[in-house]
Amino acid sequence: MARQRRSAGAADASPGRLIAIALVLIGLVLVSLRLLPGSPFESSAAAKWGTPAGPAERAATAPSDRSSRPSPSPSPTPEPLPFQAKDLDLDIAGWYSWSVLDRRSGEIIGSDNMAETSTTASLIKAWIVADYLRRADDAGQTPSAAKLADATKIIRDSDNTRAEQFYNTVGRSASIKRLISLCELTDSKVAADGGWSRTALSPRDTARMGACIADGRAAGPKWTKWLIGEMRLVRGAGDFGIRKAFPAAERKTIAIKNGWIDRTREQEMHINCLAVADTWTMGVMVRYPIGKGYEYGMKNCQEITEALLRPTT
């Protein structure tokens, strides 16, 4: 009886095993069908043969190939400045020095003595007016029409009386200290007597001051364009020097402020030239025996500039 029950139990278990085996086989078949390309049961998540993988898969699997990327276009080479750096050996009496600043790069070229100083005379008036205008704007004030007319006289006609009034308003030597600090000058000094005319500036610092006026630090954003416009309209005795070396049409675009004075104590003439253009600023200074007069130095500012200009085709 016991053997019969075991035989019956074995017989009963056999169909169950067969069913389990069949289910496993069916599952394997279905899995194979899902992976088979072209099958109706094919998984949509799998990449197809011959079909590119999706963006996510490419990002995860595709190696970066920098060599296949387009190279960036090279930046255009900037136009050279109209000046060339070279030693000058001109037939000029006395002392002379020059400097040019590239407004695009900040690079400065100049004579070996471009850090030596001379007294500015009226050249410094460009800073005095700039300092006045910037400080007025910082204080929330707008100069009156009369004050602007005075500023025009100082720049275009180099009016000494009005320049002295403005200089008193901006604190006299304190204004020159602001110039040295704000425009990052390295060679210049306040005059021993505190006056504006004897401010000691080098040609290198003159070019730096020009850049300071051009980029808005000196007169501030509100008044820079106005000041540059006035400096382009310098007239009369003060219209000489650097921009005279350029063609007439180009002169109109160059802002200037010059200084000229006879120093009886030193028995010297001090003639100074500042020019501000779109891409450059320039300072030229000359000193020579007082008996040669003003025009000698005024022409020398122009002659030095002409000697530095690149040849034109």
Protein backbone atom coordinates (compact mmCIF):
# COMPACT_ATOMS: atom_id res chain seq x y z
CA MET A 1 0.00 0.00 0.00
CA ALA A 2 2.81 2.38 0.82
CA ARG A 3 4.48 1.71 -2.53
CA GLN A 4 1.22 2.37 -4.35
CA ARG A 5 0.81 5.78 -2.68
CA ARG A 6 4.38 6.78 -3.61
CA SER A 7 3.80 5.71 -7.19
CA ALA A 8 0.60 7.69 -7.36
CA GLY A 9 2.38 10.76 -5.89
CA ALA A 10 5.18 10.50 -8.46
CA ALA A 11 2.66 10.23 -11.23
CA ASP A 12 0.79 13.28 -9.94
CA ALA A 13 4.02 15.41 -9.82
CA SER A 14 5.12 14.77 -13.38
CA PRO A 15 2.56 17.06 -15.11
CA GLY A 16 3.52 19.97 -12.76
CA ARG A 17 7.13 19.70 -13.69
CA LEU A 18 6.22 19.62 -17.34
CA ILE A 19 4.13 22.78 -16.99
CA ALA A 20 6.98 24.62 -15.24
CA ILE A 21 9.42 23.62 -17.92
CA ALA A 22 6.98 24.75 -20.61
CA LEU A 23 6.53 28.15 -18.97
CA VAL A 24 10.29 28.69 -18.81
CA LEU A 25 10.63 27.79 -22.47
CA ILE A 26 7.81 30.17 -23.44
CA GLY A 27 9.45 32.97 -21.47
CA LEU A 28 12.75 32.40 -23.23
CA VAL A 29 11.03 32.50 -26.60
CA LEU A 30 9.28 35.80 -25.77
CA VAL A 31 12.54 37.38 -24.60
CA SER A 32 14.20 36.29 -27.83
CA LEU A 33 11.37 37.78 -29.88
CA ARG A 34 11.70 41.17 -28.11
CA LEU A 35 15.39 41.31 -28.98
CA LEU A 36 14.97 40.12 -32.56
CA PRO A 37 15.07 43.10 -35.03
CA GLY A 38 11.85 43.39 -37.03
CA SER A 39 9.86 41.32 -34.54
CA PRO A 40 6.40 42.70 -33.55
CA PHE A 41 7.48 42.17 -29.95
CA GLU A 42 10.67 44.19 -30.42
CA SER A 43 11.43 46.58 -27.53
CA SER A 44 11.13 50.25 -28.50
CA ALA A 45 13.85 51.13 -25.96
CA ALA A 46 16.51 49.17 -27.81
CA ALA A 47 18.56 50.90 -30.49
CA LYS A 48 17.90 49.43 -33.93
CA TRP A 49 20.62 48.12 -36.12
CA GLY A 50 21.70 50.74 -38.56
CA THR A 51 19.77 53.48 -36.69
CA PRO A 52 21.71 56.07 -34.68
CA ALA A 53 21.27 55.97 -30.95
CA GLY A 54 19.21 58.69 -29.24
CA PRO A 55 20.79 61.83 -27.85
CA ALA A 56 21.07 60.49 -24.32
CA GLU A 57 22.77 57.32 -25.51
CA ARG A 58 25.14 59.26 -27.75
CA ALA A 59 26.06 61.51 -24.86
CA ALA A 60 26.81 58.51 -22.70
CA THR A 61 28.61 56.37 -25.26
CA ALA A 62 30.05 58.51 -28.05
CA PRO A 63 33.63 59.69 -27.46
CA SER A 64 34.29 63.43 -27.79
CA ASP A 65 36.03 64.20 -31.06
CA ARG A 66 37.42 67.73 -30.80
CA SER A 67 39.28 67.39 -34.05
CA SER A 68 35.99 67.23 -35.94
CA ARG A 69 34.69 70.50 -34.48
CA PRO A 70 35.01 73.65 -36.58
CA SER A 71 37.89 75.89 -35.53
CA PRO A 72 36.90 79.34 -34.22
CA SER A 73 37.45 82.16 -36.65
CA PRO A 74 40.62 84.10 -35.87
CA SER A 75 40.13 87.61 -34.51
CA PRO A 76 40.86 90.27 -37.11
CA THR A 77 44.26 91.91 -36.69
CA PRO A 78 43.74 95.48 -35.48
CA GLU A 79 44.90 98.28 -37.72
CA PRO A 80 48.37 99.49 -36.71
CA LEU A 81 48.64 102.92 -35.15
CA PRO A 82 49.85 105.68 -37.48
CA PHE A 83 53.07 105.89 -35.47
CA GLN A 84 56.20 103.76 -35.42
CA ALA A 85 58.54 103.49 -32.47
CA LYS A 86 62.00 104.70 -33.40
CA ASP A 87 64.83 106.87 -32.19
CA LEU A 88 64.71 110.43 -33.47
CA ASP A 89 67.74 112.51 -34.28
CA LEU A 90 66.21 115.83 -35.23
CA ASP A 91 67.92 119.17 -35.55
CA ILE A 92 66.05 120.66 -32.60
CA ALA A 93 67.67 122.88 -30.00
CA GLY A 94 67.18 122.02 -26.36
CA TRP A 95 65.24 119.07 -24.90
CA TYR A 96 62.37 117.14 -26.45
CA SER A 97 60.41 114.03 -25.58
CA TRP A 98 57.36 112.13 -26.85
CA SER A 99 55.02 109.24 -26.01
CA VAL A 100 52.10 107.45 -27.69
CA LEU A 101 49.52 105.27 -25.92
CA ASP A 102 47.48 102.64 -27.79
CA ARG A 103 43.97 103.03 -26.37
CA ARG A 104 43.02 99.49 -27.44
CA SER A 105 45.80 97.67 -25.60
CA GLY A 106 47.18 100.24 -23.18
CA GLU A 107 50.66 99.77 -24.68
CA ILE A 108 52.91 102.82 -24.50
CA ILE A 109 55.82 103.65 -26.78
CA GLY A 110 58.02 106.70 -26.54
CA SER A 111 61.44 108.27 -26.46
CA ASP A 112 64.01 107.05 -23.95
CA ASN A 113 63.32 110.15 -21.84
CA MET A 114 59.48 109.93 -21.97
CA ALA A 115 59.34 109.74 -18.15
CA GLU A 116 61.10 113.10 -17.68
CA THR A 117 58.83 115.96 -16.70
CA SER A 118 58.32 119.53 -17.84
CA THR A 119 55.90 122.24 -16.73
CA THR A 120 52.54 121.88 -18.45
CA ALA A 121 51.42 125.49 -18.89
CA SER A 122 47.92 125.53 -20.45
CA LEU A 123 47.90 121.83 -21.37
CA ILE A 124 46.70 121.03 -17.84
CA LYS A 125 43.50 123.04 -18.43
CA ALA A 126 41.93 119.99 -20.08
CA TRP A 127 42.17 118.20 -16.74
CA ILE A 128 40.95 121.19 -14.70
CA VAL A 129 37.74 121.41 -16.77
CA ALA A 130 37.29 117.62 -16.66
CA ASP A 131 37.72 117.56 -12.88
CA TYR A 132 35.18 120.39 -12.49
CA LEU A 133 32.56 118.65 -14.66
CA ARG A 134 32.97 115.22 -13.04
CA ARG A 135 32.75 116.62 -9.51
CA ALA A 136 29.67 118.66 -10.37
CA ASP A 137 27.94 115.56 -11.73
CA ASP A 138 29.00 113.50 -8.71
CA ALA A 139 27.36 116.13 -6.52
CA GLY A 140 24.15 115.95 -8.55
CA GLN A 141 24.68 119.41 -10.02
CA THR A 142 24.46 120.63 -13.62
CA PRO A 143 26.76 123.51 -14.52
CA SER A 144 24.94 126.63 -15.64
CA ALA A 145 25.05 127.82 -19.22
CA ALA A 146 27.42 130.56 -18.09
CA LYS A 147 29.79 128.03 -16.51
CA LEU A 148 29.77 125.89 -19.63
CA ALA A 149 30.53 128.97 -21.70
CA ASP A 150 33.49 129.63 -19.38
CA ALA A 151 34.66 126.03 -19.82
CA THR A 152 34.46 126.46 -23.59
CA LYS A 153 36.66 129.56 -23.34
CA ILE A 154 39.20 127.65 -21.25
CA ILE A 155 39.43 124.78 -23.73
CA ARG A 156 39.03 126.47 -27.12
CA ASP A 157 40.76 129.76 -26.35
CA SER A 158 42.94 128.82 -23.34
CA ASP A 159 41.51 131.60 -21.17
CA ASN A 160 43.82 132.01 -18.14
CA THR A 161 41.48 134.04 -15.94
CA ARG A 162 38.64 131.53 -16.19
CA ALA A 163 41.09 128.63 -15.76
CA GLU A 164 42.27 130.14 -12.46
CA GLN A 165 38.65 130.45 -11.28
CA PHE A 166 37.93 126.81 -12.10
CA TYR A 167 41.20 125.75 -10.46
CA ASN A 168 40.16 127.47 -7.22
CA THR A 169 36.76 125.75 -7.41
CA VAL A 170 38.28 122.26 -7.68
CA GLY A 171 40.67 122.79 -4.77
CA ARG A 172 43.87 123.83 -6.56
CA SER A 173 46.67 121.31 -5.87
CA ALA A 174 44.12 118.80 -4.55
CA SER A 175 42.86 118.58 -8.13
CA ILE A 176 46.34 117.67 -9.42
CA LYS A 177 46.59 114.98 -6.75
CA ARG A 178 43.29 113.56 -8.02
CA LEU A 179 44.70 113.64 -11.56
CA ILE A 180 47.73 111.60 -10.52
CA SER A 181 45.59 109.09 -8.62
CA LEU A 182 42.59 108.76 -10.94
CA CYS A 183 44.59 108.62 -14.18
CA GLU A 184 47.31 106.42 -12.66
CA LEU A 185 50.21 108.71 -13.46
CA THR A 186 53.67 107.65 -12.35
CA ASP A 187 56.04 110.51 -13.17
CA SER A 188 54.12 113.71 -12.42
CA LYS A 189 54.07 116.05 -9.44
CA VAL A 190 52.12 118.96 -7.99
CA ALA A 191 53.86 122.31 -8.50
CA ALA A 192 55.84 123.57 -5.55
CA ASP A 193 53.84 126.81 -5.59
CA GLY A 194 50.55 124.93 -6.06
CA GLY A 195 49.77 126.68 -9.34
CA TRP A 196 48.34 124.87 -12.35
CA SER A 197 50.84 126.23 -14.87
CA ARG A 198 53.88 124.68 -13.16
CA THR A 199 52.36 121.22 -12.73
CA ALA A 200 55.12 118.75 -13.66
CA LEU A 201 53.94 116.22 -16.27
CA SER A 202 55.94 113.80 -18.41
CA PRO A 203 55.08 113.00 -22.05
CA ARG A 204 54.20 109.47 -20.89
CA ASP A 205 51.81 110.80 -18.26
CA THR A 206 50.45 113.31 -20.78
CA ALA A 207 49.42 110.40 -23.02
CA ARG A 208 47.93 108.66 -19.97
CA MET A 209 45.96 111.78 -19.07
CA GLY A 210 44.65 111.86 -22.64
CA ALA A 211 43.49 108.25 -22.30
CA CYS A 212 41.87 109.14 -18.96
CA ILE A 213 39.92 111.93 -20.65
CA ALA A 214 38.96 109.71 -23.59
CA ASP A 215 37.67 106.75 -21.55
CA GLY A 216 35.49 108.86 -19.25
CA ARG A 217 37.40 108.65 -15.99
CA ALA A 218 38.36 112.32 -16.03
CA ALA A 219 35.09 114.11 -16.87
CA GLY A 220 32.69 111.27 -16.04
CA PRO A 221 30.17 109.56 -18.35
CA LYS A 222 27.89 112.60 -18.65
CA TRP A 223 30.48 115.14 -19.82
CA THR A 224 33.21 113.20 -21.64
CA LYS A 225 31.66 113.54 -25.10
CA TRP A 226 31.12 117.26 -24.53
CA LEU A 227 34.72 117.79 -23.42
CA ILE A 228 36.19 115.83 -26.34
CA GLY A 229 34.01 117.88 -28.67
CA GLU A 230 35.37 121.12 -27.23
CA MET A 231 38.95 119.87 -27.53
CA ARG A 232 38.34 119.20 -31.22
CA LEU A 233 37.36 122.85 -31.59
CA VAL A 234 40.55 124.39 -30.16
CA ARG A 235 41.28 127.48 -32.23
CA GLY A 236 43.53 130.46 -32.62
CA ALA A 237 46.98 130.49 -31.06
CA GLY A 238 46.40 127.13 -29.34
CA ASP A 239 45.77 125.21 -32.56
CA PHE A 240 49.21 123.81 -33.38
CA GLY A 241 51.35 120.73 -32.96
CA ILE A 242 50.38 117.09 -33.23
CA ARG A 243 47.23 117.22 -35.31
CA LYS A 244 48.82 119.58 -37.82
CA ALA A 245 50.89 116.59 -38.96
CA PHE A 246 47.74 114.86 -40.26
CA PRO A 247 45.64 115.51 -43.39
CA ALA A 248 43.07 118.27 -42.99
CA ALA A 249 40.08 115.90 -42.97
CA GLU A 250 41.62 113.80 -40.19
CA ARG A 251 42.53 116.80 -38.04
CA LYS A 252 38.84 117.41 -37.32
CA THR A 253 38.62 114.06 -35.48
CA ILE A 254 41.64 114.71 -33.22
CA ALA A 255 41.05 116.46 -29.89
CA ILE A 256 43.91 118.58 -28.56
CA LYS A 257 45.04 120.82 -25.72
CA ASN A 258 48.40 122.55 -25.90
CA GLY A 259 50.50 124.64 -23.55
CA TRP A 260 53.05 127.35 -24.27
CA ILE A 261 54.88 129.69 -21.92
CA ASP A 262 58.14 131.58 -21.53
CA ARG A 263 59.83 130.69 -18.25
CA THR A 264 61.91 133.77 -17.45
CA ARG A 265 63.30 132.21 -14.28
CA GLU A 266 64.77 129.33 -16.28
CA GLN A 267 65.21 131.43 -19.46
CA GLU A 268 63.40 128.66 -21.36
CA MET A 269 60.36 128.22 -23.55
CA HIS A 270 58.14 125.30 -22.51
CA ILE A 271 55.88 124.05 -25.31
CA ASN A 272 53.61 121.02 -24.76
CA CYS A 273 51.15 119.14 -26.95
CA LEU A 274 48.37 116.66 -26.10
CA ALA A 275 46.28 114.88 -28.73
CA VAL A 276 43.42 112.38 -28.33
CA ALA A 277 42.24 110.24 -31.26
CA ASP A 278 39.93 107.24 -31.58
CA THR A 279 42.66 104.62 -31.03
CA TRP A 280 45.58 106.55 -29.55
CA THR A 281 46.71 109.46 -27.41
CA MET A 282 49.99 111.34 -27.67
CA GLY A 283 52.11 113.71 -25.63
CA VAL A 284 55.00 115.81 -26.95
CA MET A 285 57.07 118.24 -24.87
CA VAL A 286 59.92 120.56 -25.81
CA ARG A 287 62.16 122.99 -23.90
CA TYR A 288 64.66 125.35 -25.48
CA PRO A 289 66.32 128.77 -25.03
CA ILE A 290 63.78 131.54 -24.49
CA GLY A 291 65.17 133.69 -27.27
CA LYS A 292 63.86 131.32 -29.98
CA GLY A 293 60.24 132.33 -29.33
CA TYR A 294 56.97 130.41 -29.31
CA GLU A 295 56.68 129.41 -32.94
CA TYR A 296 59.92 127.45 -32.86
CA GLY A 297 58.50 125.02 -30.30
CA MET A 298 55.05 124.90 -31.88
CA LYS A 299 56.61 123.79 -35.17
CA ASN A 300 58.81 121.29 -33.33
CA CYS A 301 55.76 119.53 -31.85
CA GLN A 302 54.51 119.04 -35.39
CA GLU A 303 57.94 118.05 -36.74
CA ILE A 304 58.39 115.38 -34.05
CA THR A 305 54.98 113.94 -34.87
CA GLU A 306 55.67 113.90 -38.61
CA ALA A 307 58.95 112.07 -38.02
CA LEU A 308 57.09 109.28 -36.19
CA LEU A 309 54.28 108.75 -38.68
CA ARG A 310 54.27 105.56 -40.75
CA PRO A 311 54.89 106.05 -44.45
CA THR A 312 51.64 106.27 -46.42
CA THR A 313 51.07 104.57 -49.76
